[in-house]
Amino acid sequence: MRMSKTRIEDLKKEIEAHNRAYYLDDAPLISDYDYDQLIKELIDLET
């Protein structure tokens, strides 16, 4: 359970960094597919 909470926190930070790179810097660091996979993993862990 603790590991899931840690992973959720890590995913949120990673997604936030990718959002910043994509939307503010106009310099995506990963593909849209890889970003979608991060979002999917986060949703799966939170539900």
Protein backbone atom coordinates (compact mmCIF):
# COMPACT_ATOMS: atom_id res chain seq x y z
CA MET A 1 0.00 0.00 0.00
CA ARG A 2 2.77 2.45 0.90
CA MET A 3 4.52 1.64 -2.35
CA SER A 4 1.37 2.59 -4.30
CA LYS A 5 1.14 5.93 -2.50
CA THR A 6 4.78 6.64 -3.27
CA ARG A 7 4.27 5.68 -6.91
CA ILE A 8 1.20 7.94 -7.13
CA GLU A 9 3.20 10.87 -5.74
CA ASP A 10 6.05 10.16 -8.15
CA LEU A 11 3.68 9.92 -11.11
CA LYS A 12 2.01 13.22 -10.22
CA LYS A 13 5.40 14.96 -10.07
CA GLU A 14 6.50 13.39 -13.34
CA ILE A 15 3.26 14.31 -15.10
CA GLU A 16 3.50 17.86 -13.77
CA ALA A 17 7.03 18.16 -15.18
CA HIS A 18 5.85 16.86 -18.56
CA ASN A 19 2.91 19.27 -18.55
CA ARG A 20 5.26 22.16 -17.87
CA ALA A 21 7.62 21.09 -20.65
CA TYR A 22 4.78 20.60 -23.12
CA TYR A 23 2.54 23.57 -22.38
CA LEU A 24 4.89 26.24 -21.05
CA ASP A 25 8.19 25.43 -22.75
CA ASP A 26 6.72 23.97 -25.96
CA ALA A 27 9.34 21.25 -25.65
CA PRO A 28 7.79 17.84 -24.92
CA LEU A 29 10.14 15.36 -23.31
CA ILE A 30 8.17 12.21 -24.15
CA SER A 31 5.73 11.07 -26.81
CA ASP A 32 1.99 11.55 -26.44
CA TYR A 33 1.66 7.77 -26.13
CA ASP A 34 4.13 7.61 -23.25
CA TYR A 35 2.38 10.53 -21.54
CA ASP A 36 -0.96 8.75 -21.93
CA GLN A 37 0.56 5.64 -20.35
CA LEU A 38 1.62 7.67 -17.30
CA ILE A 39 -1.89 9.09 -16.97
CA LYS A 40 -3.41 5.62 -17.33
CA GLU A 41 -1.13 4.21 -14.64
CA LEU A 42 -2.03 7.07 -12.30
CA ILE A 43 -5.75 6.55 -12.85
CA ASP A 44 -5.39 2.80 -12.29
CA LEU A 45 -3.54 3.34 -9.01
CA GLU A 46 -6.02 5.92 -7.76
CA THR A 47 -9.09 3.77 -8.41
